[in-house]
C-alpha atoms as a PDB file:
ATOM      1  CA  UNK A   1      84.806 137.700  95.486  1.00  0.00           C
ATOM      2  CA  UNK A   2      87.378 140.238  95.062  1.00  0.00           C
ATOM      3  CA  UNK A   3      88.099 141.675  91.480  1.00  0.00           C
ATOM      4  CA  UNK A   4      91.502 140.255  90.942  1.00  0.00           C
ATOM      5  CA  UNK A   5      90.095 136.827  91.293  1.00  0.00           C
ATOM      6  CA  UNK A   6      87.655 137.341  88.077  1.00  0.00           C
ATOM      7  CA  UNK A   7      90.366 139.245  86.298  1.00  0.00           C
ATOM      8  CA  UNK A   8      93.104 136.964  86.673  1.00  0.00           C
ATOM      9  CA  UNK A   9      90.885 133.477  86.273  1.00  0.00           C
ATOM     10  CA  UNK A  10      90.313 131.982  82.926  1.00  0.00           C
ATOM     11  CA  UNK A  11      87.502 129.921  84.510  1.00  0.00           C
ATOM     12  CA  UNK A  12      86.049 131.028  87.999  1.00  0.00           C
ATOM     13  CA  UNK A  13      83.501 129.264  90.145  1.00  0.00           C
ATOM     14  CA  UNK A  14      81.204 131.335  92.130  1.00  0.00           C
ATOM     15  CA  UNK A  15      80.580 129.412  95.546  1.00  0.00           C
ATOM     16  CA  UNK A  16      77.165 129.798  97.233  1.00  0.00           C
ATOM     17  CA  UNK A  17      77.963 128.526 100.707  1.00  0.00           C
ATOM     18  CA  UNK A  18      75.422 127.737 103.807  1.00  0.00           C
ATOM     19  CA  UNK A  19      74.883 131.360 104.661  1.00  0.00           C
ATOM     20  CA  UNK A  20      74.083 134.733 102.821  1.00  0.00           C
ATOM     21  CA  UNK A  21      77.697 136.138 103.654  1.00  0.00           C
ATOM     22  CA  UNK A  22      78.758 138.225 100.994  1.00  0.00           C
ATOM     23  CA  UNK A  23      76.379 136.832  98.333  1.00  0.00           C
ATOM     24  CA  UNK A  24      76.113 138.989  95.334  1.00  0.00           C
ATOM     25  CA  UNK A  25      73.752 138.575  92.231  1.00  0.00           C
ATOM     26  CA  UNK A  26      76.237 140.942  90.033  1.00  0.00           C
ATOM     27  CA  UNK A  27      79.083 138.667  90.980  1.00  0.00           C
ATOM     28  CA  UNK A  28      77.072 135.644  90.405  1.00  0.00           C
ATOM     29  CA  UNK A  29      76.752 136.809  86.661  1.00  0.00           C
ATOM     30  CA  UNK A  30      80.366 137.151  86.190  1.00  0.00           C
ATOM     31  CA  UNK A  31      81.053 133.600  86.981  1.00  0.00           C
ATOM     32  CA  UNK A  32      81.711 130.614  84.542  1.00  0.00           C
ATOM     33  CA  UNK A  33      80.160 128.295  87.155  1.00  0.00           C
ATOM     34  CA  UNK A  34      78.210 128.271  90.237  1.00  0.00           C
ATOM     35  CA  UNK A  35      78.721 125.784  93.189  1.00  0.00           C
ATOM     36  CA  UNK A  36      76.341 125.448  95.928  1.00  0.00           C
ATOM     37  CA  UNK A  37      78.145 124.236  98.938  1.00  0.00           C
ATOM     38  CA  UNK A  38      76.272 121.791 100.764  1.00  0.00           C
ATOM     39  CA  UNK A  39      78.839 119.688 102.619  1.00  0.00           C
ATOM     40  CA  UNK A  40      82.552 118.895 102.640  1.00  0.00           C
ATOM     41  CA  UNK A  41      84.306 115.634 103.205  1.00  0.00           C
ATOM     42  CA  UNK A  42      85.882 116.364 106.748  1.00  0.00           C
ATOM     43  CA  UNK A  43      83.016 118.258 108.344  1.00  0.00           C
ATOM     44  CA  UNK A  44      79.977 116.626 106.807  1.00  0.00           C
ATOM     45  CA  UNK A  45      76.920 118.563 108.021  1.00  0.00           C
ATOM     46  CA  UNK A  46      78.684 121.091 109.841  1.00  0.00           C
ATOM     47  CA  UNK A  47      79.249 124.956 109.550  1.00  0.00           C
ATOM     48  CA  UNK A  48      82.844 126.366 109.905  1.00  0.00           C
ATOM     49  CA  UNK A  49      84.667 128.800 112.150  1.00  0.00           C
ATOM     50  CA  UNK A  50      86.474 131.790 110.569  1.00  0.00           C
ATOM     51  CA  UNK A  51      88.868 133.501 113.206  1.00  0.00           C
ATOM     52  CA  UNK A  52      88.525 137.046 113.786  1.00  0.00           C
ATOM     53  CA  UNK A  53      92.628 137.540 112.384  1.00  0.00           C
ATOM     54  CA  UNK A  54      91.604 135.996 109.057  1.00  0.00           C
ATOM     55  CA  UNK A  55      89.054 138.645 108.650  1.00  0.00           C
ATOM     56  CA  UNK A  56      90.843 141.411 107.284  1.00  0.00           C
ATOM     57  CA  UNK A  57      89.350 144.712 105.940  1.00  0.00           C
ATOM     58  CA  UNK A  58      89.517 143.129 102.290  1.00  0.00           C
ATOM     59  CA  UNK A  59      87.809 139.595 103.472  1.00  0.00           C
ATOM     60  CA  UNK A  60      85.142 141.788 105.482  1.00  0.00           C
ATOM     61  CA  UNK A  61      84.109 144.060 102.622  1.00  0.00           C
ATOM     62  CA  UNK A  62      83.858 140.499 100.290  1.00  0.00           C
ATOM     63  CA  UNK A  63      81.650 138.952 102.826  1.00  0.00           C
ATOM     64  CA  UNK A  64      79.964 141.726 104.498  1.00  0.00           C
ATOM     65  CA  UNK A  65      81.296 141.250 107.797  1.00  0.00           C
ATOM     66  CA  UNK A  66      82.780 143.310 110.464  1.00  0.00           C
ATOM     67  CA  UNK A  67      86.655 143.339 110.288  1.00  0.00           C
ATOM     68  CA  UNK A  68      88.773 141.305 112.855  1.00  0.00           C
ATOM     69  CA  UNK A  69      85.817 139.270 114.746  1.00  0.00           C
ATOM     70  CA  UNK A  70      85.420 135.701 114.830  1.00  0.00           C
ATOM     71  CA  UNK A  71      82.364 134.205 112.352  1.00  0.00           C
ATOM     72  CA  UNK A  72      80.354 131.150 112.431  1.00  0.00           C
ATOM     73  CA  UNK A  73      79.367 129.749 109.247  1.00  0.00           C
ATOM     74  CA  UNK A  74      76.038 128.064 109.871  1.00  0.00           C
ATOM     75  CA  UNK A  75      75.585 124.413 109.071  1.00  0.00           C
ATOM     76  CA  UNK A  76      72.784 124.946 106.622  1.00  0.00           C
ATOM     77  CA  UNK A  77      71.439 127.841 104.508  1.00  0.00           C
ATOM     78  CA  UNK A  78      68.393 129.388 105.770  1.00  0.00           C
ATOM     79  CA  UNK A  79      66.816 129.317 102.135  1.00  0.00           C
ATOM     80  CA  UNK A  80      67.203 125.821 101.409  1.00  0.00           C
ATOM     81  CA  UNK A  81      66.302 123.415 104.333  1.00  0.00           C
ATOM     82  CA  UNK A  82      65.674 120.218 101.888  1.00  0.00           C
ATOM     83  CA  UNK A  83      66.115 119.303  98.305  1.00  0.00           C
ATOM     84  CA  UNK A  84      62.619 120.815  97.504  1.00  0.00           C
ATOM     85  CA  UNK A  85      64.051 124.272  98.493  1.00  0.00           C
ATOM     86  CA  UNK A  86      67.263 123.708  96.897  1.00  0.00           C
ATOM     87  CA  UNK A  87      65.581 122.920  93.583  1.00  0.00           C
ATOM     88  CA  UNK A  88      63.935 126.057  93.587  1.00  0.00           C
ATOM     89  CA  UNK A  89      67.263 128.015  94.348  1.00  0.00           C
ATOM     90  CA  UNK A  90      69.135 126.111  91.632  1.00  0.00           C
ATOM     91  CA  UNK A  91      66.495 127.211  89.174  1.00  0.00           C
ATOM     92  CA  UNK A  92      66.691 130.669  90.624  1.00  0.00           C
ATOM     93  CA  UNK A  93      70.391 130.644  89.914  1.00  0.00           C
ATOM     94  CA  UNK A  94      69.832 129.425  86.385  1.00  0.00           C
ATOM     95  CA  UNK A  95      67.629 132.250  85.701  1.00  0.00           C
ATOM     96  CA  UNK A  96      69.822 134.783  87.119  1.00  0.00           C
ATOM     97  CA  UNK A  97      72.794 133.463  84.781  1.00  0.00           C
ATOM     98  CA  UNK A  98      70.344 133.097  81.774  1.00  0.00           C
ATOM     99  CA  UNK A  99      70.979 129.521  81.688  1.00  0.00           C
ATOM    100  CA  UNK A 100      74.710 129.870  80.532  1.00  0.00           C
ATOM    101  CA  UNK A 101      76.878 128.539  83.153  1.00  0.00           C
ATOM    102  CA  UNK A 102      76.897 124.894  84.662  1.00  0.00           C
ATOM    103  CA  UNK A 103      75.751 124.407  88.559  1.00  0.00           C
ATOM    104  CA  UNK A 104      77.543 121.990  90.780  1.00  0.00           C
ATOM    105  CA  UNK A 105      76.108 120.772  94.173  1.00  0.00           C
ATOM    106  CA  UNK A 106      78.957 119.953  96.549  1.00  0.00           C
ATOM    107  CA  UNK A 107      78.364 117.141  99.050  1.00  0.00           C
ATOM    108  CA  UNK A 108      80.559 115.616 101.863  1.00  0.00           C
ATOM    109  CA  UNK A 109      80.368 111.961 101.885  1.00  0.00           C
ATOM    110  CA  UNK A 110      77.906 110.501 104.530  1.00  0.00           C
ATOM    111  CA  UNK A 111      74.696 109.059 103.370  1.00  0.00           C
ATOM    112  CA  UNK A 112      76.039 108.873  99.790  1.00  0.00           C
ATOM    113  CA  UNK A 113      73.312 106.844  98.112  1.00  0.00           C
ATOM    114  CA  UNK A 114      70.396 108.864  99.305  1.00  0.00           C
ATOM    115  CA  UNK A 115      72.132 112.170  99.395  1.00  0.00           C
ATOM    116  CA  UNK A 116      73.112 111.981  95.784  1.00  0.00           C
ATOM    117  CA  UNK A 117      69.696 110.701  94.751  1.00  0.00           C
ATOM    118  CA  UNK A 118      68.333 113.989  96.334  1.00  0.00           C
ATOM    119  CA  UNK A 119      70.867 116.223  94.897  1.00  0.00           C
ATOM    120  CA  UNK A 120      70.277 114.714  91.556  1.00  0.00           C
ATOM    121  CA  UNK A 121      66.660 115.462  91.339  1.00  0.00           C
ATOM    122  CA  UNK A 122      67.487 119.107  92.067  1.00  0.00           C
ATOM    123  CA  UNK A 123      68.661 119.424  88.705  1.00  0.00           C
ATOM    124  CA  UNK A 124      72.543 119.976  88.708  1.00  0.00           C
ATOM    125  CA  UNK A 125      75.003 119.615  86.078  1.00  0.00           C
ATOM    126  CA  UNK A 126      77.530 118.404  88.188  1.00  0.00           C
ATOM    127  CA  UNK A 127      77.525 116.578  91.722  1.00  0.00           C
ATOM    128  CA  UNK A 128      80.966 117.196  93.558  1.00  0.00           C
ATOM    129  CA  UNK A 129      81.520 114.490  96.107  1.00  0.00           C
ATOM    130  CA  UNK A 130      84.102 115.088  98.641  1.00  0.00           C
ATOM    131  CA  UNK A 131      85.682 112.130 100.719  1.00  0.00           C
ATOM    132  CA  UNK A 132      86.468 112.055 104.359  1.00  0.00           C
ATOM    133  CA  UNK A 133      90.139 112.744 103.332  1.00  0.00           C
ATOM    134  CA  UNK A 134      89.180 116.224 101.962  1.00  0.00           C
ATOM    135  CA  UNK A 135      90.887 118.891 103.916  1.00  0.00           C
ATOM    136  CA  UNK A 136      89.692 122.161 105.579  1.00  0.00           C
ATOM    137  CA  UNK A 137      90.907 125.155 107.659  1.00  0.00           C
ATOM    138  CA  UNK A 138      87.650 125.941 109.298  1.00  0.00           C
ATOM    139  CA  UNK A 139      86.421 122.846 110.837  1.00  0.00           C
ATOM    140  CA  UNK A 140      86.494 121.420 114.412  1.00  0.00           C
ATOM    141  CA  UNK A 141      89.059 119.143 114.918  1.00  0.00           C
ATOM    142  CA  UNK A 142      86.734 116.229 115.926  1.00  0.00           C
ATOM    143  CA  UNK A 143      84.862 116.635 112.692  1.00  0.00           C
ATOM    144  CA  UNK A 144      87.910 116.240 110.667  1.00  0.00           C
ATOM    145  CA  UNK A 145      88.818 113.182 112.645  1.00  0.00           C
ATOM    146  CA  UNK A 146      85.627 111.333 113.159  1.00  0.00           C
ATOM    147  CA  UNK A 147      82.934 112.459 110.191  1.00  0.00           C
ATOM    148  CA  UNK A 148      82.628 111.347 106.693  1.00  0.00           C
ATOM    149  CA  UNK A 149      83.422 108.108 104.749  1.00  0.00           C
ATOM    150  CA  UNK A 150      86.531 107.144 102.526  1.00  0.00           C
ATOM    151  CA  UNK A 151      86.089 108.506  98.969  1.00  0.00           C
ATOM    152  CA  UNK A 152      86.703 104.898  97.721  1.00  0.00           C
ATOM    153  CA  UNK A 153      83.747 103.953  99.390  1.00  0.00           C
ATOM    154  CA  UNK A 154      81.609 106.911  98.498  1.00  0.00           C
ATOM    155  CA  UNK A 155      82.124 106.741  94.839  1.00  0.00           C
ATOM    156  CA  UNK A 156      80.186 103.298  94.064  1.00  0.00           C
ATOM    157  CA  UNK A 157      77.584 104.533  95.936  1.00  0.00           C
ATOM    158  CA  UNK A 158      77.405 107.755  94.363  1.00  0.00           C
ATOM    159  CA  UNK A 159      77.396 106.057  90.830  1.00  0.00           C
ATOM    160  CA  UNK A 160      74.666 103.586  91.946  1.00  0.00           C
ATOM    161  CA  UNK A 161      72.389 106.557  93.019  1.00  0.00           C
ATOM    162  CA  UNK A 162      72.762 108.136  89.642  1.00  0.00           C
ATOM    163  CA  UNK A 163      72.072 105.146  87.589  1.00  0.00           C
ATOM    164  CA  UNK A 164      69.051 104.171  89.619  1.00  0.00           C
ATOM    165  CA  UNK A 165      67.351 107.496  89.040  1.00  0.00           C
ATOM    166  CA  UNK A 166      68.464 107.548  85.414  1.00  0.00           C
ATOM    167  CA  UNK A 167      70.774 110.474  85.275  1.00  0.00           C
ATOM    168  CA  UNK A 168      74.319 109.064  85.207  1.00  0.00           C
ATOM    169  CA  UNK A 169      74.297 110.144  81.651  1.00  0.00           C
ATOM    170  CA  UNK A 170      73.110 113.628  82.459  1.00  0.00           C
ATOM    171  CA  UNK A 171      74.800 114.672  85.671  1.00  0.00           C
ATOM    172  CA  UNK A 172      78.830 114.503  85.726  1.00  0.00           C
ATOM    173  CA  UNK A 173      80.427 112.943  89.070  1.00  0.00           C
ATOM    174  CA  UNK A 174      83.445 115.002  90.145  1.00  0.00           C
ATOM    175  CA  UNK A 175      85.034 113.586  93.372  1.00  0.00           C
ATOM    176  CA  UNK A 176      87.896 114.715  95.612  1.00  0.00           C
ATOM    177  CA  UNK A 177      89.448 113.933  98.806  1.00  0.00           C
ATOM    178  CA  UNK A 178      93.199 112.880  99.500  1.00  0.00           C
ATOM    179  CA  UNK A 179      94.015 112.364  95.901  1.00  0.00           C
ATOM    180  CA  UNK A 180      97.894 112.739  95.474  1.00  0.00           C
ATOM    181  CA  UNK A 181      98.777 110.992  92.449  1.00  0.00           C
ATOM    182  CA  UNK A 182      97.692 109.243  88.890  1.00  0.00           C
ATOM    183  CA  UNK A 183      96.953 106.070  90.737  1.00  0.00           C
ATOM    184  CA  UNK A 184      94.283 107.962  92.738  1.00  0.00           C
ATOM    185  CA  UNK A 185      93.006 109.523  89.746  1.00  0.00           C
ATOM    186  CA  UNK A 186      92.752 106.233  87.692  1.00  0.00           C
ATOM    187  CA  UNK A 187      90.835 104.290  90.648  1.00  0.00           C
ATOM    188  CA  UNK A 188      88.429 107.228  90.860  1.00  0.00           C
ATOM    189  CA  UNK A 189      87.221 107.175  87.403  1.00  0.00           C
ATOM    190  CA  UNK A 190      87.526 103.327  87.086  1.00  0.00           C
ATOM    191  CA  UNK A 191      85.084 103.455  90.242  1.00  0.00           C
ATOM    192  CA  UNK A 192      82.577 105.721  88.430  1.00  0.00           C
ATOM    193  CA  UNK A 193      83.728 109.313  88.516  1.00  0.00           C
ATOM    194  CA  UNK A 194      83.791 111.726  85.701  1.00  0.00           C
ATOM    195  CA  UNK A 195      86.541 113.773  86.910  1.00  0.00           C
ATOM    196  CA  UNK A 196      88.746 114.658  89.906  1.00  0.00           C
ATOM    197  CA  UNK A 197      89.229 117.790  91.889  1.00  0.00           C
ATOM    198  CA  UNK A 198      92.338 118.437  93.598  1.00  0.00           C
ATOM    199  CA  UNK A 199      93.024 120.850  96.567  1.00  0.00           C
ATOM    200  CA  UNK A 200      95.531 120.156  99.293  1.00  0.00           C
ATOM    201  CA  UNK A 201      98.100 118.403  96.746  1.00  0.00           C
ATOM    202  CA  UNK A 202      98.202 121.453  94.967  1.00  0.00           C
ATOM    203  CA  UNK A 203      99.225 123.482  97.874  1.00  0.00           C
ATOM    204  CA  UNK A 204     101.777 121.168  98.637  1.00  0.00           C
ATOM    205  CA  UNK A 205     103.176 121.608  95.043  1.00  0.00           C
ATOM    206  CA  UNK A 206     102.820 125.277  95.338  1.00  0.00           C
ATOM    207  CA  UNK A 207     105.321 125.107  98.014  1.00  0.00           C
ATOM    208  CA  UNK A 208     103.006 125.264 101.487  1.00  0.00           C
ATOM    209  CA  UNK A 209     105.068 124.159 104.339  1.00  0.00           C
ATOM    210  CA  UNK A 210     108.320 124.502 102.451  1.00  0.00           C
ATOM    211  CA  UNK A 211     111.184 124.644 104.660  1.00  0.00           C
ATOM    212  CA  UNK A 212     113.008 128.185 104.089  1.00  0.00           C
ATOM    213  CA  UNK A 213     116.587 128.232 105.504  1.00  0.00           C
ATOM    214  CA  UNK A 214     117.027 130.942 107.808  1.00  0.00           C
ATOM    215  CA  UNK A 215     113.570 131.923 107.867  1.00  0.00           C
ATOM    216  CA  UNK A 216     111.233 128.970 109.041  1.00  0.00           C
ATOM    217  CA  UNK A 217     111.511 126.948 112.019  1.00  0.00           C
ATOM    218  CA  UNK A 218     108.554 124.492 111.637  1.00  0.00           C
ATOM    219  CA  UNK A 219     109.837 122.208 114.608  1.00  0.00           C
ATOM    220  CA  UNK A 220     110.480 125.026 117.043  1.00  0.00           C
ATOM    221  CA  UNK A 221     107.201 126.977 115.933  1.00  0.00           C
ATOM    222  CA  UNK A 222     104.684 124.152 115.552  1.00  0.00           C
ATOM    223  CA  UNK A 223     106.303 120.679 116.950  1.00  0.00           C
ATOM    224  CA  UNK A 224     105.663 119.382 113.475  1.00  0.00           C
ATOM    225  CA  UNK A 225     108.406 119.027 110.654  1.00  0.00           C
ATOM    226  CA  UNK A 226     107.772 120.669 107.212  1.00  0.00           C
ATOM    227  CA  UNK A 227     104.894 119.620 105.025  1.00  0.00           C
ATOM    228  CA  UNK A 228     102.591 118.634 107.883  1.00  0.00           C
ATOM    229  CA  UNK A 229      99.561 120.685 107.776  1.00  0.00           C
ATOM    230  CA  UNK A 230      98.980 121.623 111.243  1.00  0.00           C
ATOM    231  CA  UNK A 231      99.085 125.479 111.268  1.00  0.00           C
ATOM    232  CA  UNK A 232      97.270 126.245 108.008  1.00  0.00           C
ATOM    233  CA  UNK A 233      94.126 127.244 109.934  1.00  0.00           C
ATOM    234  CA  UNK A 234      95.683 129.939 111.820  1.00  0.00           C
ATOM    235  CA  UNK A 235      96.337 132.082 108.939  1.00  0.00           C
ATOM    236  CA  UNK A 236     100.153 132.110 109.706  1.00  0.00           C
ATOM    237  CA  UNK A 237     101.374 130.083 106.841  1.00  0.00           C
ATOM    238  CA  UNK A 238     105.298 130.664 106.973  1.00  0.00           C
ATOM    239  CA  UNK A 239     105.302 129.922 103.096  1.00  0.00           C
ATOM    240  CA  UNK A 240     103.081 132.619 102.439  1.00  0.00           C
ATOM    241  CA  UNK A 241     100.136 130.858 100.650  1.00  0.00           C
ATOM    242  CA  UNK A 242      97.085 130.381 102.978  1.00  0.00           C
ATOM    243  CA  UNK A 243      97.537 133.758 104.737  1.00  0.00           C
ATOM    244  CA  UNK A 244      96.265 137.169 104.550  1.00  0.00           C
ATOM    245  CA  UNK A 245      99.505 138.847 106.257  1.00  0.00           C
ATOM    246  CA  UNK A 246     101.099 140.750 103.556  1.00  0.00           C
ATOM    247  CA  UNK A 247     104.651 140.143 105.047  1.00  0.00           C
ATOM    248  CA  UNK A 248     104.357 136.257 104.961  1.00  0.00           C
ATOM    249  CA  UNK A 249     102.466 136.659 101.343  1.00  0.00           C
ATOM    250  CA  UNK A 250     105.918 138.192 100.271  1.00  0.00           C
ATOM    251  CA  UNK A 251     107.409 134.768 100.725  1.00  0.00           C
ATOM    252  CA  UNK A 252     105.833 132.929  97.872  1.00  0.00           C
ATOM    253  CA  UNK A 253     107.424 133.204  94.883  1.00  0.00           C
ATOM    254  CA  UNK A 254     104.326 132.935  92.465  1.00  0.00           C
ATOM    255  CA  UNK A 255     106.181 131.952  89.093  1.00  0.00           C
ATOM    256  CA  UNK A 256     108.251 129.246  90.645  1.00  0.00           C
ATOM    257  CA  UNK A 257     105.264 127.949  92.763  1.00  0.00           C
ATOM    258  CA  UNK A 258     103.016 128.048  89.393  1.00  0.00           C
ATOM    259  CA  UNK A 259     105.805 126.180  87.569  1.00  0.00           C
ATOM    260  CA  UNK A 260     105.524 123.246  90.564  1.00  0.00           C
ATOM    261  CA  UNK A 261     101.851 122.906  90.256  1.00  0.00           C
ATOM    262  CA  UNK A 262     102.189 122.685  86.445  1.00  0.00           C
ATOM    263  CA  UNK A 263     104.720 119.623  86.761  1.00  0.00           C
ATOM    264  CA  UNK A 264     102.728 117.971  89.436  1.00  0.00           C
ATOM    265  CA  UNK A 265      99.420 118.091  87.363  1.00  0.00           C
ATOM    266  CA  UNK A 266     101.568 116.981  84.143  1.00  0.00           C
ATOM    267  CA  UNK A 267     103.146 114.220  86.169  1.00  0.00           C
ATOM    268  CA  UNK A 268      99.765 113.090  87.629  1.00  0.00           C
ATOM    269  CA  UNK A 269      98.080 112.966  84.081  1.00  0.00           C
ATOM    270  CA  UNK A 270     100.858 110.955  82.797  1.00  0.00           C
ATOM    271  CA  UNK A 271     100.738 108.524  85.768  1.00  0.00           C
ATOM    272  CA  UNK A 272      96.946 107.939  84.977  1.00  0.00           C
ATOM    273  CA  UNK A 273      97.467 107.580  81.191  1.00  0.00           C
ATOM    274  CA  UNK A 274     100.291 105.078  82.182  1.00  0.00           C
ATOM    275  CA  UNK A 275      97.814 102.960  84.348  1.00  0.00           C
ATOM    276  CA  UNK A 276      95.117 103.147  81.705  1.00  0.00           C
ATOM    277  CA  UNK A 277      97.451 101.557  78.991  1.00  0.00           C
ATOM    278  CA  UNK A 278      98.225  99.039  81.638  1.00  0.00           C
ATOM    279  CA  UNK A 279      94.817  97.986  81.799  1.00  0.00           C
ATOM    280  CA  UNK A 280      94.724  97.943  77.636  1.00  0.00           C
ATOM    281  CA  UNK A 281      92.999 100.972  77.431  1.00  0.00           C
ATOM    282  CA  UNK A 282      93.265 104.022  75.203  1.00  0.00           C
ATOM    283  CA  UNK A 283      91.771 106.562  77.041  1.00  0.00           C
ATOM    284  CA  UNK A 284      91.664 106.961  80.989  1.00  0.00           C
ATOM    285  CA  UNK A 285      87.768 107.509  81.022  1.00  0.00           C
ATOM    286  CA  UNK A 286      87.544 103.815  79.474  1.00  0.00           C
ATOM    287  CA  UNK A 287      88.748 102.593  82.973  1.00  0.00           C
ATOM    288  CA  UNK A 288      86.085 100.776  84.542  1.00  0.00           C
ATOM    289  CA  UNK A 289      85.555  98.577  87.754  1.00  0.00           C
ATOM    290  CA  UNK A 290      86.353  95.388  85.985  1.00  0.00           C
ATOM    291  CA  UNK A 291      90.123  96.965  85.715  1.00  0.00           C
ATOM    292  CA  UNK A 292      90.243  96.990  89.594  1.00  0.00           C
ATOM    293  CA  UNK A 293      91.217  94.126  92.195  1.00  0.00           C
ATOM    294  CA  UNK A 294      91.517  94.612  96.046  1.00  0.00           C
ATOM    295  CA  UNK A 295      94.208  93.427  98.073  1.00  0.00           C
ATOM    296  CA  UNK A 296      92.241  93.551 101.579  1.00  0.00           C
ATOM    297  CA  UNK A 297      88.557  92.302 102.442  1.00  0.00           C
ATOM    298  CA  UNK A 298      88.122  95.782 103.877  1.00  0.00           C
ATOM    299  CA  UNK A 299      88.890  97.482 100.506  1.00  0.00           C
ATOM    300  CA  UNK A 300      87.068  95.011  98.594  1.00  0.00           C
ATOM    301  CA  UNK A 301      83.939  95.772 100.671  1.00  0.00           C
ATOM    302  CA  UNK A 302      84.366  99.247 100.429  1.00  0.00           C
ATOM    303  CA  UNK A 303      85.216  99.645  96.671  1.00  0.00           C
ATOM    304  CA  UNK A 304      82.864  96.982  95.758  1.00  0.00           C
ATOM    305  CA  UNK A 305      85.386  95.024  93.635  1.00  0.00           C
ATOM    306  CA  UNK A 306      86.542  91.532  93.860  1.00  0.00           C
ATOM    307  CA  UNK A 307      89.419  90.544  96.234  1.00  0.00           C
ATOM    308  CA  UNK A 308      92.371  89.607  94.220  1.00  0.00           C
ATOM    309  CA  UNK A 309      92.494  86.188  92.684  1.00  0.00           C
ATOM    310  CA  UNK A 310      88.625  85.622  93.410  1.00  0.00           C
ATOM    311  CA  UNK A 311      85.491  86.581  92.514  1.00  0.00           C
ATOM    312  CA  UNK A 312      84.493  87.559  95.840  1.00  0.00           C
ATOM    313  CA  UNK A 313      83.091  91.038  96.457  1.00  0.00           C
ATOM    314  CA  UNK A 314      82.285  91.233 100.376  1.00  0.00           C
ATOM    315  CA  UNK A 315      78.468  91.681 100.867  1.00  0.00           C
ATOM    316  CA  UNK A 316      77.538  91.568  97.339  1.00  0.00           C
ATOM    317  CA  UNK A 317      78.616  87.948  96.605  1.00  0.00           C
ATOM    318  CA  UNK A 318      76.522  86.932  99.709  1.00  0.00           C
ATOM    319  CA  UNK A 319      73.478  88.994  98.577  1.00  0.00           C
ATOM    320  CA  UNK A 320      73.807  87.473  95.219  1.00  0.00           C
ATOM    321  CA  UNK A 321      73.603  83.985  96.680  1.00  0.00           C
ATOM    322  CA  UNK A 322      70.802  84.701  98.877  1.00  0.00           C
ATOM    323  CA  UNK A 323      68.923  86.010  96.077  1.00  0.00           C
ATOM    324  CA  UNK A 324      69.479  83.077  93.856  1.00  0.00           C
ATOM    325  CA  UNK A 325      68.458  80.904  96.908  1.00  0.00           C
ATOM    326  CA  UNK A 326      65.264  82.544  97.382  1.00  0.00           C
ATOM    327  CA  UNK A 327      64.367  82.287  93.789  1.00  0.00           C
ATOM    328  CA  UNK A 328      65.181  78.774  93.576  1.00  0.00           C
ATOM    329  CA  UNK A 329      62.810  78.118  96.928  1.00  0.00           C
ATOM    330  CA  UNK A 330      60.097  80.377  95.244  1.00  0.00           C
ATOM    331  CA  UNK A 331      60.259  78.082  91.931  1.00  0.00           C
ATOM    332  CA  UNK A 332      60.482  74.937  94.055  1.00  0.00           C
ATOM    333  CA  UNK A 333      57.445  76.051  96.241  1.00  0.00           C
ATOM    334  CA  UNK A 334      55.795  77.119  93.153  1.00  0.00           C
ATOM    335  CA  UNK A 335      56.223  73.557  91.352  1.00  0.00           C
ATOM    336  CA  UNK A 336      55.197  71.875  94.504  1.00  0.00           C
ATOM    337  CA  UNK A 337      51.823  73.795  94.604  1.00  0.00           C
ATOM    338  CA  UNK A 338      51.344  72.835  90.968  1.00  0.00           C
ATOM    339  CA  UNK A 339      51.946  69.169  91.368  1.00  0.00           C
ATOM    340  CA  UNK A 340      49.773  68.971  94.464  1.00  0.00           C
ATOM    341  CA  UNK A 341      46.868  70.691  92.371  1.00  0.00           C
ATOM    342  CA  UNK A 342      46.927  68.009  89.974  1.00  0.00           C
ATOM    343  CA  UNK A 343      46.785  65.084  92.189  1.00  0.00           C
ATOM    344  CA  UNK A 344      44.048  62.446  92.204  1.00  0.00           C
END
């Protein structure tokens, strides 16, 4: 943490990452909520790489690192090697914060059902599930391209896991990854999420990758047009948002960017409300899977909702049919056995 983050935030999360970098119990006690970072959607089960050019004097002091030197974030924290360890660490943080703030566990979507069941038993208030569409500036390219599963496939599994351990009403499910408009929000809530989180879309609204006439030349510098997030990880964001360079940071008009973010969030909310009304609901949290239909067999299989115009849910329909056939066979065998036993 740097002091302005707390001073200028109305709600502030303290994130406990997979290492001990920068952890400070005094800062912890200033937080409105605490997040244990276990995984991220686009780098499931991996650590990260913080390039030396991003480790400024300020960042180095904040994270107790030498300035200007590349740093590797480990894949797992040495204090929590499994759910039992994590449960103890959650309890420690609860005691350190006097049981006054919520605790959130952030997971990347991989083995969602098993992971969420284990996370739920660690006693968090919130489970934050990040789909494969989630972005990062510190993961290897092959990780962002090849790991994780889509958010729409992850939410039903997470919801089922919470229901199976009897904690669906006690633990909130927050989801993220590739959310860009009100339709994405409505679908997530209909599938079982309590709320959504937004990262990259807010950066886009803030003005990241905005072409600045006479200043930026995206095609020449990066080979990609404006609005393509190919250079954020370098620390040299020409729009001045995701950078520690003081000269680049001057390019961001904070007041103008804040208004754009507000407009984006307001429009997104109105869109989600509109879709809820289209489904006959007076509240977006009343949306449910029955309000959804899939247009392809792939999306029907992932989201576990019927293919449009049918009652067919790939995988689910077959399982239900097999279960019914098995019950009928068992009943038939039982009846045959009873009839045979009553013969002369």
